[in-house]
């Protein structure tokens, strides 16, 4: 076994948006080999069925969601496009500094234009 850590943030809880983001972290002992699993944690037949069916449902749901979005004309954005990158950068400034999106976008766009002018 080995110790693995995790961290995350909570922005809403119990049906409400929190006044500020709550950070959390933790750790657990990850099993690396099947023979390390304690007997009381080994999966029984019902558990195995539940895991397999959950995996199948998740795959089917993802496929159905993608098909429904495509049928509605909604495509996954190109994450390497300039528009997507500028939008992501502006959203980061909004989160980091609490400024309005329009202001953040103007800053990011100006920075991008200045950098593009350096290309020559």
Protein backbone atom coordinates (compact mmCIF):
# COMPACT_ATOMS: atom_id res chain seq x y z
CA UNK A 1 0.00 0.00 0.00
CA UNK A 2 1.00 3.59 -0.46
CA UNK A 3 -0.28 6.89 0.83
CA UNK A 4 -2.06 8.99 -1.78
CA UNK A 5 -3.19 12.55 -1.25
CA UNK A 6 -6.03 14.53 -2.76
CA UNK A 7 -7.28 18.08 -2.66
CA UNK A 8 -10.15 20.10 -3.99
CA UNK A 9 -12.44 23.02 -3.51
CA UNK A 10 -16.10 23.43 -2.63
CA UNK A 11 -17.97 26.37 -4.13
CA UNK A 12 -21.50 25.32 -3.20
CA UNK A 13 -22.94 23.05 -0.54
CA UNK A 14 -26.36 21.99 0.62
CA UNK A 15 -28.03 23.79 -2.27
CA UNK A 16 -26.35 27.14 -1.63
CA UNK A 17 -23.39 29.00 -3.12
CA UNK A 18 -20.78 29.54 -0.42
CA UNK A 19 -19.63 33.09 0.36
CA UNK A 20 -16.05 31.99 -0.36
CA UNK A 21 -14.40 28.89 -1.72
CA UNK A 22 -13.58 26.22 0.87
CA UNK A 23 -10.37 24.27 0.25
CA UNK A 24 -9.92 20.71 1.48
CA UNK A 25 -7.30 17.99 1.34
CA UNK A 26 -6.80 14.52 2.68
CA UNK A 27 -5.00 11.26 2.25
CA UNK A 28 -5.74 7.55 2.15
CA UNK A 29 -3.93 4.26 1.89
CA UNK A 30 -4.18 3.10 -1.73
CA UNK A 31 -4.05 -0.62 -2.43
CA UNK A 32 -1.45 -1.56 -5.02
CA UNK A 33 -1.91 -5.33 -5.14
CA UNK A 34 -5.06 -7.45 -4.91
CA UNK A 35 -3.62 -9.51 -2.07
CA UNK A 36 -3.36 -6.34 0.05
CA UNK A 37 -7.15 -5.90 0.14
CA UNK A 38 -8.51 -6.77 3.57
CA UNK A 39 -11.13 -9.53 3.55
CA UNK A 40 -13.83 -7.19 4.84
CA UNK A 41 -13.22 -4.83 1.87
CA UNK A 42 -13.21 -7.44 -0.90
CA UNK A 43 -16.04 -7.19 -3.36
CA UNK A 44 -18.75 -9.81 -3.33
CA UNK A 45 -20.85 -10.84 -6.35
CA UNK A 46 -23.45 -8.10 -5.75
CA UNK A 47 -20.70 -5.47 -5.43
CA UNK A 48 -19.08 -6.64 -8.67
CA UNK A 49 -22.42 -6.38 -10.51
CA UNK A 50 -22.92 -2.88 -9.13
CA UNK A 51 -19.45 -1.76 -10.26
CA UNK A 52 -19.83 -3.25 -13.75
CA UNK A 53 -23.31 -1.78 -14.22
CA UNK A 54 -22.20 1.65 -12.96
CA UNK A 55 -19.31 1.61 -15.44
CA UNK A 56 -21.63 0.60 -18.29
CA UNK A 57 -24.20 3.23 -17.34
CA UNK A 58 -21.54 5.97 -17.19
CA UNK A 59 -20.27 5.01 -20.67
CA UNK A 60 -23.80 4.92 -22.10
CA UNK A 61 -24.68 8.22 -20.47
CA UNK A 62 -21.55 9.90 -21.87
CA UNK A 63 -22.34 8.57 -25.35
CA UNK A 64 -26.00 9.66 -25.16
CA UNK A 65 -25.02 13.10 -23.86
CA UNK A 66 -22.51 13.60 -26.69
CA UNK A 67 -25.06 12.48 -29.29
CA UNK A 68 -27.76 14.78 -27.87
CA UNK A 69 -25.38 17.75 -27.83
CA UNK A 70 -24.28 17.06 -31.41
CA UNK A 71 -27.92 16.72 -32.53
CA UNK A 72 -28.62 20.11 -30.93
CA UNK A 73 -25.69 21.61 -32.86
CA UNK A 74 -23.51 22.04 -29.78
CA UNK A 75 -19.94 21.01 -30.45
CA UNK A 76 -17.07 20.57 -28.02
CA UNK A 77 -14.88 23.67 -28.18
CA UNK A 78 -11.40 23.48 -29.66
CA UNK A 79 -9.28 23.99 -26.55
CA UNK A 80 -6.33 25.15 -28.64
CA UNK A 81 -8.28 27.93 -30.39
CA UNK A 82 -7.42 31.53 -29.57
CA UNK A 83 -11.01 32.31 -28.55
CA UNK A 84 -11.12 29.43 -26.09
CA UNK A 85 -7.74 30.30 -24.57
CA UNK A 86 -8.64 33.99 -24.18
CA UNK A 87 -11.95 33.04 -22.55
CA UNK A 88 -10.19 30.66 -20.14
CA UNK A 89 -7.61 33.29 -19.22
CA UNK A 90 -10.32 35.89 -18.60
CA UNK A 91 -12.25 33.46 -16.39
CA UNK A 92 -9.08 32.79 -14.41
CA UNK A 93 -8.65 36.51 -13.77
CA UNK A 94 -12.28 36.72 -12.62
CA UNK A 95 -11.68 33.91 -10.12
CA UNK A 96 -8.29 35.18 -8.96
CA UNK A 97 -9.13 38.86 -8.60
CA UNK A 98 -12.92 39.07 -8.49
CA UNK A 99 -13.11 41.49 -11.39
CA UNK A 100 -15.89 41.63 -13.98
CA UNK A 101 -15.55 39.24 -16.92
CA UNK A 102 -15.74 42.09 -19.47
CA UNK A 103 -12.82 43.86 -17.78
CA UNK A 104 -10.82 40.65 -17.52
CA UNK A 105 -11.41 39.89 -21.20
CA UNK A 106 -10.25 43.38 -22.21
CA UNK A 107 -7.02 42.87 -20.24
CA UNK A 108 -6.37 39.44 -21.71
CA UNK A 109 -7.18 40.59 -25.25
CA UNK A 110 -4.84 43.60 -24.91
CA UNK A 111 -2.08 41.34 -23.62
CA UNK A 112 -2.64 38.90 -26.48
CA UNK A 113 -2.59 41.67 -29.08
CA UNK A 114 0.63 43.08 -27.59
CA UNK A 115 2.26 39.64 -27.67
CA UNK A 116 1.13 39.10 -31.28
CA UNK A 117 2.74 42.41 -32.29
CA UNK A 118 6.10 41.11 -31.07
CA UNK A 119 6.07 38.38 -33.71
CA UNK A 120 6.87 40.95 -36.36
